[in-house]
Amino acid sequence: MKPLISVIVPVYNVEDYLTKCLDSIACQTYDSFETILVDDGSTDQCPRICDEYKEKDSRFKVIHKSNGGLSSARNTALDIVKGKYVLFVDSDDWLEPNMLEMLVNTAIETHADVVACEHYNNTYNTETRSTISRNTYEKKVLVDNDDIFLHILEPSPRIRFEVWNKLYKREIIGDTRFKEGQIYEDVYFQRVVLKRVKKMVHIDCALYNYLAIRPGNTVSSFDKKRLCKLKELNEYINSFKQKGRTDIARIYQEYAAESVIDLYRTAVKNKKLDKDTRSILKREFKEYFKEDGNRSLRHVVFRISPSIYDLCAAVLK
């Protein structure tokens, strides 16, 4: 009997993209799945679209709730999933036709707790892909817990913080839930869940289509809630230091320093760099810079003057 996959799709005001996303799930070559659509208080046509899929395909379930954010929507679905495996899908993205089949077959063959894949980056103006992912691919097996965390940031393979390119055994997730009201919710979730993983497999095949840029999304906007990313990264850094893995801690410090610069520049661009935000970013960067053994020119310039860095950022990339 094929194992059931629970596909979780949080939905909020994405009527222009939702049908493409849901069609890509309905047309999967692997048919043993349930799709839980969580309408998180949408004010457009999303509630109607969700109900239409529920009516025509029994594999789709719909929950309508008041708006609580992405984490709240995912948590609502996690409380009722029935599958042996869980897959998260953002409602403006879409899947390659054989994504579920390739991920679950890999999980079964390798006895992996988590299987990750590559993804395509798309923008609003990208034409619909007709690419069918190849059936021959290489697998990278990670059995050391620290090695998994290392490859979140390191290339070959790059595991990433995001949850949407991964198939999880439900028992690995357990009672862990996303932090509600927090941006970069995936950073916390991965830190807790991946600690339990005994084996993770990465396949070098792009099976997920990520819509990186579209009108109305928040990729390039700034909110003070984004500063929580630094707090979460500090948890990673401190845990590696406590384990004596200063090599991995340094890599996360480097990434955290880059995150400070990105947050600073996004705040400036959106004219939201108030005194408090500036103070937090300068303080955090000072700590990362102090322990950064491979100080790049861009970090040196930013430490001296963020304003000067901003003026010559293009040269310092």
C-alpha atoms as a PDB file:
ATOM      1  CA  MET A   1       0.000   0.000   0.000  1.00  0.00           C
ATOM      2  CA  LYS A   2       1.379   3.403  -0.958  1.00  0.00           C
ATOM      3  CA  PRO A   3       2.171   5.680   2.002  1.00  0.00           C
ATOM      4  CA  LEU A   4      -0.044   8.745   2.270  1.00  0.00           C
ATOM      5  CA  ILE A   5       1.518  12.192   1.839  1.00  0.00           C
ATOM      6  CA  SER A   6      -0.105  15.192   3.522  1.00  0.00           C
ATOM      7  CA  VAL A   7       0.384  18.292   1.375  1.00  0.00           C
ATOM      8  CA  ILE A   8      -0.105  21.497   3.360  1.00  0.00           C
ATOM      9  CA  VAL A   9      -1.000  24.667   1.435  1.00  0.00           C
ATOM     10  CA  PRO A  10      -1.596  27.904   3.391  1.00  0.00           C
ATOM     11  CA  VAL A  11      -3.708  30.284   1.275  1.00  0.00           C
ATOM     12  CA  TYR A  12      -4.049  34.040   1.551  1.00  0.00           C
ATOM     13  CA  ASN A  13      -5.079  36.449  -1.228  1.00  0.00           C
ATOM     14  CA  VAL A  14      -3.326  34.694  -4.122  1.00  0.00           C
ATOM     15  CA  GLU A  15      -6.272  34.263  -6.503  1.00  0.00           C
ATOM     16  CA  ASP A  16      -4.072  34.917  -9.573  1.00  0.00           C
ATOM     17  CA  TYR A  17      -1.725  32.033  -8.704  1.00  0.00           C
ATOM     18  CA  LEU A  18      -3.751  29.522  -6.709  1.00  0.00           C
ATOM     19  CA  THR A  19      -5.278  27.540  -9.586  1.00  0.00           C
ATOM     20  CA  LYS A  20      -1.857  26.854 -11.100  1.00  0.00           C
ATOM     21  CA  CYS A  21      -0.573  25.679  -7.738  1.00  0.00           C
ATOM     22  CA  LEU A  22      -3.513  23.360  -7.056  1.00  0.00           C
ATOM     23  CA  ASP A  23      -3.552  21.952 -10.584  1.00  0.00           C
ATOM     24  CA  SER A  24       0.117  21.018 -10.197  1.00  0.00           C
ATOM     25  CA  ILE A  25      -0.795  19.034  -7.070  1.00  0.00           C
ATOM     26  CA  ALA A  26      -3.898  17.394  -8.528  1.00  0.00           C
ATOM     27  CA  CYS A  27      -1.925  16.201 -11.578  1.00  0.00           C
ATOM     28  CA  GLN A  28       0.873  14.476  -9.665  1.00  0.00           C
ATOM     29  CA  THR A  29       2.009  11.079 -10.933  1.00  0.00           C
ATOM     30  CA  TYR A  30       1.790   9.849  -7.318  1.00  0.00           C
ATOM     31  CA  ASP A  31      -1.864   9.739  -6.242  1.00  0.00           C
ATOM     32  CA  SER A  32      -1.768   8.713  -2.578  1.00  0.00           C
ATOM     33  CA  PHE A  33      -1.995  12.132  -0.965  1.00  0.00           C
ATOM     34  CA  GLU A  34      -4.296  14.466   0.893  1.00  0.00           C
ATOM     35  CA  THR A  35      -4.072  18.207   0.326  1.00  0.00           C
ATOM     36  CA  ILE A  36      -5.058  20.449   3.212  1.00  0.00           C
ATOM     37  CA  LEU A  37      -5.885  23.964   2.018  1.00  0.00           C
ATOM     38  CA  VAL A  38      -5.953  26.461   4.853  1.00  0.00           C
ATOM     39  CA  ASP A  39      -7.757  29.623   3.771  1.00  0.00           C
ATOM     40  CA  ASP A  40      -6.234  32.102   6.209  1.00  0.00           C
ATOM     41  CA  GLY A  41      -8.974  34.730   6.035  1.00  0.00           C
ATOM     42  CA  SER A  42      -8.549  35.568   2.333  1.00  0.00           C
ATOM     43  CA  THR A  43     -10.562  38.563   1.111  1.00  0.00           C
ATOM     44  CA  ASP A  44     -10.345  37.719  -2.608  1.00  0.00           C
ATOM     45  CA  GLN A  45     -11.647  34.699  -4.558  1.00  0.00           C
ATOM     46  CA  CYS A  46      -9.374  32.173  -2.845  1.00  0.00           C
ATOM     47  CA  PRO A  47     -12.079  30.749  -0.535  1.00  0.00           C
ATOM     48  CA  ARG A  48     -14.266  29.988  -3.563  1.00  0.00           C
ATOM     49  CA  ILE A  49     -11.370  28.421  -5.496  1.00  0.00           C
ATOM     50  CA  CYS A  50     -10.450  26.220  -2.530  1.00  0.00           C
ATOM     51  CA  ASP A  51     -14.038  25.001  -2.175  1.00  0.00           C
ATOM     52  CA  GLU A  52     -14.219  24.206  -5.904  1.00  0.00           C
ATOM     53  CA  TYR A  53     -11.202  21.895  -5.644  1.00  0.00           C
ATOM     54  CA  LYS A  54     -12.675  20.238  -2.584  1.00  0.00           C
ATOM     55  CA  GLU A  55     -15.912  19.557  -4.473  1.00  0.00           C
ATOM     56  CA  LYS A  56     -14.262  18.044  -7.552  1.00  0.00           C
ATOM     57  CA  ASP A  57     -11.392  16.127  -5.902  1.00  0.00           C
ATOM     58  CA  SER A  58     -11.831  14.192  -2.660  1.00  0.00           C
ATOM     59  CA  ARG A  59      -8.076  14.425  -1.990  1.00  0.00           C
ATOM     60  CA  PHE A  60      -8.516  18.133  -1.222  1.00  0.00           C
ATOM     61  CA  LYS A  61      -9.683  19.322   2.179  1.00  0.00           C
ATOM     62  CA  VAL A  62     -10.410  22.942   3.089  1.00  0.00           C
ATOM     63  CA  ILE A  63     -10.202  24.814   6.356  1.00  0.00           C
ATOM     64  CA  HIS A  64     -11.501  28.400   6.473  1.00  0.00           C
ATOM     65  CA  LYS A  65     -10.147  30.451   9.392  1.00  0.00           C
ATOM     66  CA  SER A  66      -9.579  34.035  10.409  1.00  0.00           C
ATOM     67  CA  ASN A  67      -6.284  35.574   9.372  1.00  0.00           C
ATOM     68  CA  GLY A  68      -3.404  34.513  11.589  1.00  0.00           C
ATOM     69  CA  GLY A  69      -0.427  34.438   9.243  1.00  0.00           C
ATOM     70  CA  LEU A  70       1.576  31.752   7.495  1.00  0.00           C
ATOM     71  CA  SER A  71       2.708  29.958  10.650  1.00  0.00           C
ATOM     72  CA  SER A  72      -0.824  29.832  12.048  1.00  0.00           C
ATOM     73  CA  ALA A  73      -2.141  28.362   8.799  1.00  0.00           C
ATOM     74  CA  ARG A  74       0.555  25.692   8.645  1.00  0.00           C
ATOM     75  CA  ASN A  75       0.035  24.806  12.306  1.00  0.00           C
ATOM     76  CA  THR A  76      -3.716  24.435  11.789  1.00  0.00           C
ATOM     77  CA  ALA A  77      -3.038  21.864   9.070  1.00  0.00           C
ATOM     78  CA  LEU A  78      -0.332  20.051  11.054  1.00  0.00           C
ATOM     79  CA  ASP A  79      -2.860  19.427  13.813  1.00  0.00           C
ATOM     80  CA  ILE A  80      -5.014  17.267  11.517  1.00  0.00           C
ATOM     81  CA  VAL A  81      -2.602  15.623   9.032  1.00  0.00           C
ATOM     82  CA  LYS A  82      -2.969  11.877   8.510  1.00  0.00           C
ATOM     83  CA  GLY A  83      -0.070  11.143   6.152  1.00  0.00           C
ATOM     84  CA  LYS A  84       3.117   9.282   6.921  1.00  0.00           C
ATOM     85  CA  TYR A  85       4.922  12.129   5.156  1.00  0.00           C
ATOM     86  CA  VAL A  86       4.353  15.890   5.073  1.00  0.00           C
ATOM     87  CA  LEU A  87       5.090  18.350   2.267  1.00  0.00           C
ATOM     88  CA  PHE A  88       4.688  22.126   2.536  1.00  0.00           C
ATOM     89  CA  VAL A  89       3.718  24.097  -0.576  1.00  0.00           C
ATOM     90  CA  ASP A  90       3.345  27.877  -0.832  1.00  0.00           C
ATOM     91  CA  SER A  91       0.163  28.811  -2.665  1.00  0.00           C
ATOM     92  CA  ASP A  92       1.848  30.967  -5.324  1.00  0.00           C
ATOM     93  CA  ASP A  93       4.327  28.206  -6.250  1.00  0.00           C
ATOM     94  CA  TRP A  94       3.829  24.996  -8.223  1.00  0.00           C
ATOM     95  CA  LEU A  95       5.241  21.475  -8.461  1.00  0.00           C
ATOM     96  CA  GLU A  96       6.785  19.470 -11.250  1.00  0.00           C
ATOM     97  CA  PRO A  97       4.414  16.557 -12.140  1.00  0.00           C
ATOM     98  CA  ASN A  98       6.609  13.869 -10.574  1.00  0.00           C
ATOM     99  CA  MET A  99       7.719  15.686  -7.417  1.00  0.00           C
ATOM    100  CA  LEU A 100       5.739  13.597  -4.926  1.00  0.00           C
ATOM    101  CA  GLU A 101       6.669  10.344  -6.636  1.00  0.00           C
ATOM    102  CA  MET A 102      10.386  11.068  -6.714  1.00  0.00           C
ATOM    103  CA  LEU A 103      10.548  12.313  -3.132  1.00  0.00           C
ATOM    104  CA  VAL A 104       8.540   9.517  -1.562  1.00  0.00           C
ATOM    105  CA  ASN A 105      10.289   6.798  -3.582  1.00  0.00           C
ATOM    106  CA  THR A 106      13.630   8.172  -2.436  1.00  0.00           C
ATOM    107  CA  ALA A 107      12.427   8.254   1.173  1.00  0.00           C
ATOM    108  CA  ILE A 108      11.293   4.616   0.972  1.00  0.00           C
ATOM    109  CA  GLU A 109      14.424   3.359  -0.803  1.00  0.00           C
ATOM    110  CA  THR A 110      16.880   5.103   1.523  1.00  0.00           C
ATOM    111  CA  HIS A 111      14.869   5.028   4.784  1.00  0.00           C
ATOM    112  CA  ALA A 112      15.416   8.778   5.032  1.00  0.00           C
ATOM    113  CA  ASP A 113      13.629  10.946   7.577  1.00  0.00           C
ATOM    114  CA  VAL A 114      13.757  13.934   5.215  1.00  0.00           C
ATOM    115  CA  VAL A 115      14.275  14.172   1.444  1.00  0.00           C
ATOM    116  CA  ALA A 116      15.186  17.519  -0.121  1.00  0.00           C
ATOM    117  CA  CYS A 117      15.312  18.540  -3.779  1.00  0.00           C
ATOM    118  CA  GLU A 118      16.450  21.453  -5.927  1.00  0.00           C
ATOM    119  CA  HIS A 119      14.066  24.142  -7.172  1.00  0.00           C
ATOM    120  CA  TYR A 120      13.516  26.584 -10.021  1.00  0.00           C
ATOM    121  CA  ASN A 121      13.468  30.331  -9.304  1.00  0.00           C
ATOM    122  CA  ASN A 122      10.664  32.051 -11.193  1.00  0.00           C
ATOM    123  CA  THR A 123       9.429  35.627 -11.478  1.00  0.00           C
ATOM    124  CA  TYR A 124       6.002  37.021 -12.281  1.00  0.00           C
ATOM    125  CA  ASN A 125       6.809  37.336 -15.984  1.00  0.00           C
ATOM    126  CA  THR A 126       8.308  33.857 -16.394  1.00  0.00           C
ATOM    127  CA  GLU A 127       6.491  31.741 -18.964  1.00  0.00           C
ATOM    128  CA  THR A 128       4.898  28.504 -17.760  1.00  0.00           C
ATOM    129  CA  ARG A 129       7.525  25.773 -17.661  1.00  0.00           C
ATOM    130  CA  SER A 130       7.134  22.656 -19.745  1.00  0.00           C
ATOM    131  CA  THR A 131      10.233  21.044 -18.243  1.00  0.00           C
ATOM    132  CA  ILE A 132       9.755  17.517 -16.951  1.00  0.00           C
ATOM    133  CA  SER A 133      12.301  16.672 -14.288  1.00  0.00           C
ATOM    134  CA  ARG A 134      14.661  13.907 -15.302  1.00  0.00           C
ATOM    135  CA  ASN A 135      14.330  10.444 -13.789  1.00  0.00           C
ATOM    136  CA  THR A 136      18.070   9.936 -13.366  1.00  0.00           C
ATOM    137  CA  TYR A 137      19.684  11.976 -10.651  1.00  0.00           C
ATOM    138  CA  GLU A 138      22.360  11.842  -8.006  1.00  0.00           C
ATOM    139  CA  LYS A 139      21.636  11.450  -4.314  1.00  0.00           C
ATOM    140  CA  LYS A 140      23.645  12.945  -1.483  1.00  0.00           C
ATOM    141  CA  VAL A 141      23.086  11.089   1.784  1.00  0.00           C
ATOM    142  CA  LEU A 142      23.676  13.008   5.000  1.00  0.00           C
ATOM    143  CA  VAL A 143      23.725  10.914   8.149  1.00  0.00           C
ATOM    144  CA  ASP A 144      25.597  13.232  10.508  1.00  0.00           C
ATOM    145  CA  ASN A 145      23.334  15.771  12.173  1.00  0.00           C
ATOM    146  CA  ASP A 146      25.959  18.525  12.086  1.00  0.00           C
ATOM    147  CA  ASP A 147      26.593  17.814   8.421  1.00  0.00           C
ATOM    148  CA  ILE A 148      22.908  18.478   7.707  1.00  0.00           C
ATOM    149  CA  PHE A 149      23.074  21.881   9.377  1.00  0.00           C
ATOM    150  CA  LEU A 150      26.316  22.654   7.583  1.00  0.00           C
ATOM    151  CA  HIS A 151      24.682  22.058   4.219  1.00  0.00           C
ATOM    152  CA  ILE A 152      21.812  24.416   4.957  1.00  0.00           C
ATOM    153  CA  LEU A 153      24.289  27.131   4.005  1.00  0.00           C
ATOM    154  CA  GLU A 154      27.096  25.350   2.186  1.00  0.00           C
ATOM    155  CA  PRO A 155      26.790  24.463  -1.524  1.00  0.00           C
ATOM    156  CA  SER A 156      26.850  20.941  -2.985  1.00  0.00           C
ATOM    157  CA  PRO A 157      24.277  20.290  -1.799  1.00  0.00           C
ATOM    158  CA  ARG A 158      22.575  23.400  -0.459  1.00  0.00           C
ATOM    159  CA  ILE A 159      19.780  22.190   1.828  1.00  0.00           C
ATOM    160  CA  ARG A 160      18.322  25.666   2.611  1.00  0.00           C
ATOM    161  CA  PHE A 161      16.224  26.860   5.555  1.00  0.00           C
ATOM    162  CA  GLU A 162      12.960  26.817   3.576  1.00  0.00           C
ATOM    163  CA  VAL A 163      10.569  23.944   4.248  1.00  0.00           C
ATOM    164  CA  TRP A 164       8.949  23.834   0.799  1.00  0.00           C
ATOM    165  CA  ASN A 165      11.658  21.779  -0.949  1.00  0.00           C
ATOM    166  CA  LYS A 166      11.538  18.933   1.579  1.00  0.00           C
ATOM    167  CA  LEU A 167       9.455  15.850   2.300  1.00  0.00           C
ATOM    168  CA  TYR A 168       9.340  15.120   6.049  1.00  0.00           C
ATOM    169  CA  LYS A 169       8.363  12.004   7.932  1.00  0.00           C
ATOM    170  CA  ARG A 170       5.481  13.158  10.112  1.00  0.00           C
ATOM    171  CA  GLU A 171       6.999  11.471  13.179  1.00  0.00           C
ATOM    172  CA  ILE A 172      10.109  13.669  12.791  1.00  0.00           C
ATOM    173  CA  ILE A 173       7.960  16.800  13.010  1.00  0.00           C
ATOM    174  CA  GLY A 174       6.087  15.410  15.997  1.00  0.00           C
ATOM    175  CA  ASP A 175       4.497  18.171  18.047  1.00  0.00           C
ATOM    176  CA  THR A 176       6.823  20.895  16.734  1.00  0.00           C
ATOM    177  CA  ARG A 177       4.956  23.871  15.319  1.00  0.00           C
ATOM    178  CA  PHE A 178       5.950  27.111  13.603  1.00  0.00           C
ATOM    179  CA  LYS A 179       6.294  30.225  15.740  1.00  0.00           C
ATOM    180  CA  GLU A 180       3.210  32.312  15.097  1.00  0.00           C
ATOM    181  CA  GLY A 181       3.505  36.012  14.370  1.00  0.00           C
ATOM    182  CA  GLN A 182       7.138  35.594  13.351  1.00  0.00           C
ATOM    183  CA  ILE A 183       8.786  36.140   9.976  1.00  0.00           C
ATOM    184  CA  TYR A 184      11.506  33.633   8.938  1.00  0.00           C
ATOM    185  CA  GLU A 185       9.455  30.954  10.653  1.00  0.00           C
ATOM    186  CA  ASP A 186      11.336  28.261   8.723  1.00  0.00           C
ATOM    187  CA  VAL A 187      14.627  29.121  10.449  1.00  0.00           C
ATOM    188  CA  TYR A 188      13.238  28.152  13.863  1.00  0.00           C
ATOM    189  CA  PHE A 189      11.345  25.121  12.542  1.00  0.00           C
ATOM    190  CA  GLN A 190      14.410  23.600  10.895  1.00  0.00           C
ATOM    191  CA  ARG A 191      16.595  24.114  13.962  1.00  0.00           C
ATOM    192  CA  VAL A 192      14.189  22.059  16.069  1.00  0.00           C
ATOM    193  CA  VAL A 193      13.113  19.393  13.580  1.00  0.00           C
ATOM    194  CA  LEU A 194      16.425  18.629  11.869  1.00  0.00           C
ATOM    195  CA  LYS A 195      18.046  17.840  15.229  1.00  0.00           C
ATOM    196  CA  ARG A 196      15.961  14.644  15.260  1.00  0.00           C
ATOM    197  CA  VAL A 197      16.949  13.510  11.778  1.00  0.00           C
ATOM    198  CA  LYS A 198      19.120  10.386  11.546  1.00  0.00           C
ATOM    199  CA  LYS A 199      19.308  10.384   7.759  1.00  0.00           C
ATOM    200  CA  MET A 200      18.592  13.061   5.177  1.00  0.00           C
ATOM    201  CA  VAL A 201      18.841  12.647   1.409  1.00  0.00           C
ATOM    202  CA  HIS A 202      19.266  15.415  -1.147  1.00  0.00           C
ATOM    203  CA  ILE A 203      18.531  14.772  -4.819  1.00  0.00           C
ATOM    204  CA  ASP A 204      20.050  17.095  -7.416  1.00  0.00           C
ATOM    205  CA  CYS A 205      16.846  17.484  -9.385  1.00  0.00           C
ATOM    206  CA  ALA A 206      14.642  20.596  -9.541  1.00  0.00           C
ATOM    207  CA  LEU A 207      11.112  19.525  -8.668  1.00  0.00           C
ATOM    208  CA  TYR A 208       9.682  22.668  -7.033  1.00  0.00           C
ATOM    209  CA  ASN A 209       8.892  25.966  -8.754  1.00  0.00           C
ATOM    210  CA  TYR A 210       9.370  28.942  -6.445  1.00  0.00           C
ATOM    211  CA  LEU A 211       7.817  32.266  -7.444  1.00  0.00           C
ATOM    212  CA  ALA A 212      10.515  34.545  -6.095  1.00  0.00           C
ATOM    213  CA  ILE A 213       9.127  37.876  -7.265  1.00  0.00           C
ATOM    214  CA  ARG A 214       5.525  38.862  -7.894  1.00  0.00           C
ATOM    215  CA  PRO A 215       3.359  41.967  -7.395  1.00  0.00           C
ATOM    216  CA  GLY A 216       2.246  42.247  -3.786  1.00  0.00           C
ATOM    217  CA  ASN A 217       4.679  39.841  -2.150  1.00  0.00           C
ATOM    218  CA  THR A 218       6.862  40.846   0.789  1.00  0.00           C
ATOM    219  CA  VAL A 219      10.282  39.639  -0.334  1.00  0.00           C
ATOM    220  CA  SER A 220      11.680  43.166  -0.647  1.00  0.00           C
ATOM    221  CA  SER A 221       9.611  44.855   2.068  1.00  0.00           C
ATOM    222  CA  PHE A 222      10.766  45.556   5.616  1.00  0.00           C
ATOM    223  CA  ASP A 223       9.113  44.964   8.950  1.00  0.00           C
ATOM    224  CA  LYS A 224      10.767  44.995  12.381  1.00  0.00           C
ATOM    225  CA  LYS A 225       9.613  41.400  12.783  1.00  0.00           C
ATOM    226  CA  ARG A 226      12.367  40.499  10.299  1.00  0.00           C
ATOM    227  CA  LEU A 227      14.951  41.212  12.995  1.00  0.00           C
ATOM    228  CA  CYS A 228      13.921  37.950  14.693  1.00  0.00           C
ATOM    229  CA  LYS A 229      16.016  36.175  12.051  1.00  0.00           C
ATOM    230  CA  LEU A 230      19.141  37.317  13.899  1.00  0.00           C
ATOM    231  CA  LYS A 231      17.843  35.939  17.192  1.00  0.00           C
ATOM    232  CA  GLU A 232      17.180  32.572  15.579  1.00  0.00           C
ATOM    233  CA  LEU A 233      20.612  32.505  13.917  1.00  0.00           C
ATOM    234  CA  ASN A 234      22.214  33.272  17.273  1.00  0.00           C
ATOM    235  CA  GLU A 235      20.552  30.119  18.616  1.00  0.00           C
ATOM    236  CA  TYR A 236      22.261  28.108  15.883  1.00  0.00           C
ATOM    237  CA  ILE A 237      25.619  29.778  16.541  1.00  0.00           C
ATOM    238  CA  ASN A 238      25.477  29.232  20.297  1.00  0.00           C
ATOM    239  CA  SER A 239      24.444  25.586  19.949  1.00  0.00           C
ATOM    240  CA  PHE A 240      27.399  24.857  17.652  1.00  0.00           C
ATOM    241  CA  LYS A 241      29.789  26.603  20.030  1.00  0.00           C
ATOM    242  CA  GLN A 242      28.498  24.531  22.932  1.00  0.00           C
ATOM    243  CA  LYS A 243      29.137  21.362  20.930  1.00  0.00           C
ATOM    244  CA  GLY A 244      32.644  22.496  20.088  1.00  0.00           C
ATOM    245  CA  ARG A 245      31.811  22.895  16.389  1.00  0.00           C
ATOM    246  CA  THR A 246      33.322  26.350  16.006  1.00  0.00           C
ATOM    247  CA  ASP A 247      33.892  25.617  12.306  1.00  0.00           C
ATOM    248  CA  ILE A 248      30.146  25.478  11.671  1.00  0.00           C
ATOM    249  CA  ALA A 249      29.511  28.368  14.080  1.00  0.00           C
ATOM    250  CA  ARG A 250      31.806  30.585  11.962  1.00  0.00           C
ATOM    251  CA  ILE A 251      29.881  29.751   8.808  1.00  0.00           C
ATOM    252  CA  TYR A 252      26.633  30.758  10.516  1.00  0.00           C
ATOM    253  CA  GLN A 253      28.274  33.937  11.831  1.00  0.00           C
ATOM    254  CA  GLU A 254      29.283  34.820   8.280  1.00  0.00           C
ATOM    255  CA  TYR A 255      25.732  34.207   7.101  1.00  0.00           C
ATOM    256  CA  ALA A 256      24.325  36.229  10.003  1.00  0.00           C
ATOM    257  CA  ALA A 257      26.620  39.145   9.112  1.00  0.00           C
ATOM    258  CA  GLU A 258      25.336  39.018   5.525  1.00  0.00           C
ATOM    259  CA  SER A 259      21.785  38.925   6.899  1.00  0.00           C
ATOM    260  CA  VAL A 260      22.426  42.111   8.881  1.00  0.00           C
ATOM    261  CA  ILE A 261      23.622  43.857   5.720  1.00  0.00           C
ATOM    262  CA  ASP A 262      20.587  42.656   3.768  1.00  0.00           C
ATOM    263  CA  LEU A 263      18.212  43.780   6.503  1.00  0.00           C
ATOM    264  CA  TYR A 264      19.927  47.164   6.728  1.00  0.00           C
ATOM    265  CA  ARG A 265      19.730  47.767   2.984  1.00  0.00           C
ATOM    266  CA  THR A 266      16.085  46.625   2.827  1.00  0.00           C
ATOM    267  CA  ALA A 267      15.192  48.962   5.704  1.00  0.00           C
ATOM    268  CA  VAL A 268      16.947  51.857   3.956  1.00  0.00           C
ATOM    269  CA  LYS A 269      15.222  51.084   0.656  1.00  0.00           C
ATOM    270  CA  ASN A 270      11.819  51.064   2.358  1.00  0.00           C
ATOM    271  CA  LYS A 271      12.659  54.160   4.447  1.00  0.00           C
ATOM    272  CA  LYS A 272      12.125  52.264   7.701  1.00  0.00           C
ATOM    273  CA  LEU A 273      15.579  52.475   9.236  1.00  0.00           C
ATOM    274  CA  ASP A 274      14.605  54.067  12.542  1.00  0.00           C
ATOM    275  CA  LYS A 275      16.985  54.612  15.452  1.00  0.00           C
ATOM    276  CA  ASP A 276      16.037  51.394  17.224  1.00  0.00           C
ATOM    277  CA  THR A 277      16.465  49.218  14.110  1.00  0.00           C
ATOM    278  CA  ARG A 278      19.816  50.821  13.310  1.00  0.00           C
ATOM    279  CA  SER A 279      21.016  50.218  16.873  1.00  0.00           C
ATOM    280  CA  ILE A 280      20.031  46.535  16.825  1.00  0.00           C
ATOM    281  CA  LEU A 281      21.679  45.895  13.464  1.00  0.00           C
ATOM    282  CA  LYS A 282      24.911  47.673  14.455  1.00  0.00           C
ATOM    283  CA  ARG A 283      25.106  45.769  17.739  1.00  0.00           C
ATOM    284  CA  GLU A 284      24.531  42.386  16.134  1.00  0.00           C
ATOM    285  CA  PHE A 285      26.994  43.044  13.322  1.00  0.00           C
ATOM    286  CA  LYS A 286      29.654  44.113  15.823  1.00  0.00           C
ATOM    287  CA  GLU A 287      29.383  40.724  17.542  1.00  0.00           C
ATOM    288  CA  TYR A 288      29.590  38.778  14.288  1.00  0.00           C
ATOM    289  CA  PHE A 289      32.476  40.923  13.038  1.00  0.00           C
ATOM    290  CA  LYS A 290      34.410  40.401  16.267  1.00  0.00           C
ATOM    291  CA  GLU A 291      34.483  36.631  15.732  1.00  0.00           C
ATOM    292  CA  ASP A 292      34.706  36.622  11.938  1.00  0.00           C
ATOM    293  CA  GLY A 293      38.082  35.099  11.107  1.00  0.00           C
ATOM    294  CA  ASN A 294      37.769  35.768   7.371  1.00  0.00           C
ATOM    295  CA  ARG A 295      36.746  39.393   7.240  1.00  0.00           C
ATOM    296  CA  SER A 296      35.809  40.364   3.727  1.00  0.00           C
ATOM    297  CA  LEU A 297      36.236  43.909   2.423  1.00  0.00           C
ATOM    298  CA  ARG A 298      32.469  44.369   2.395  1.00  0.00           C
ATOM    299  CA  HIS A 299      32.275  43.481   6.098  1.00  0.00           C
ATOM    300  CA  VAL A 300      35.134  45.828   6.971  1.00  0.00           C
ATOM    301  CA  VAL A 301      33.488  48.711   5.122  1.00  0.00           C
ATOM    302  CA  PHE A 302      30.083  48.007   6.678  1.00  0.00           C
ATOM    303  CA  ARG A 303      31.631  47.884  10.160  1.00  0.00           C
ATOM    304  CA  ILE A 304      33.277  51.282   9.600  1.00  0.00           C
ATOM    305  CA  SER A 305      30.178  52.915   8.116  1.00  0.00           C
ATOM    306  CA  PRO A 306      26.920  51.320   6.917  1.00  0.00           C
ATOM    307  CA  SER A 307      26.138  54.541   5.053  1.00  0.00           C
ATOM    308  CA  ILE A 308      29.383  54.406   3.082  1.00  0.00           C
ATOM    309  CA  TYR A 309      28.770  50.721   2.407  1.00  0.00           C
ATOM    310  CA  ASP A 310      25.345  51.536   1.020  1.00  0.00           C
ATOM    311  CA  LEU A 311      26.833  54.051  -1.388  1.00  0.00           C
ATOM    312  CA  CYS A 312      29.321  51.570  -2.848  1.00  0.00           C
ATOM    313  CA  ALA A 313      27.379  48.319  -2.377  1.00  0.00           C
ATOM    314  CA  ALA A 314      27.436  47.428  -6.043  1.00  0.00           C
ATOM    315  CA  VAL A 315      31.245  47.444  -6.074  1.00  0.00           C
ATOM    316  CA  LEU A 316      31.504  45.455  -2.840  1.00  0.00           C
ATOM    317  CA  LYS A 317      29.317  42.526  -3.922  1.00  0.00           C
END
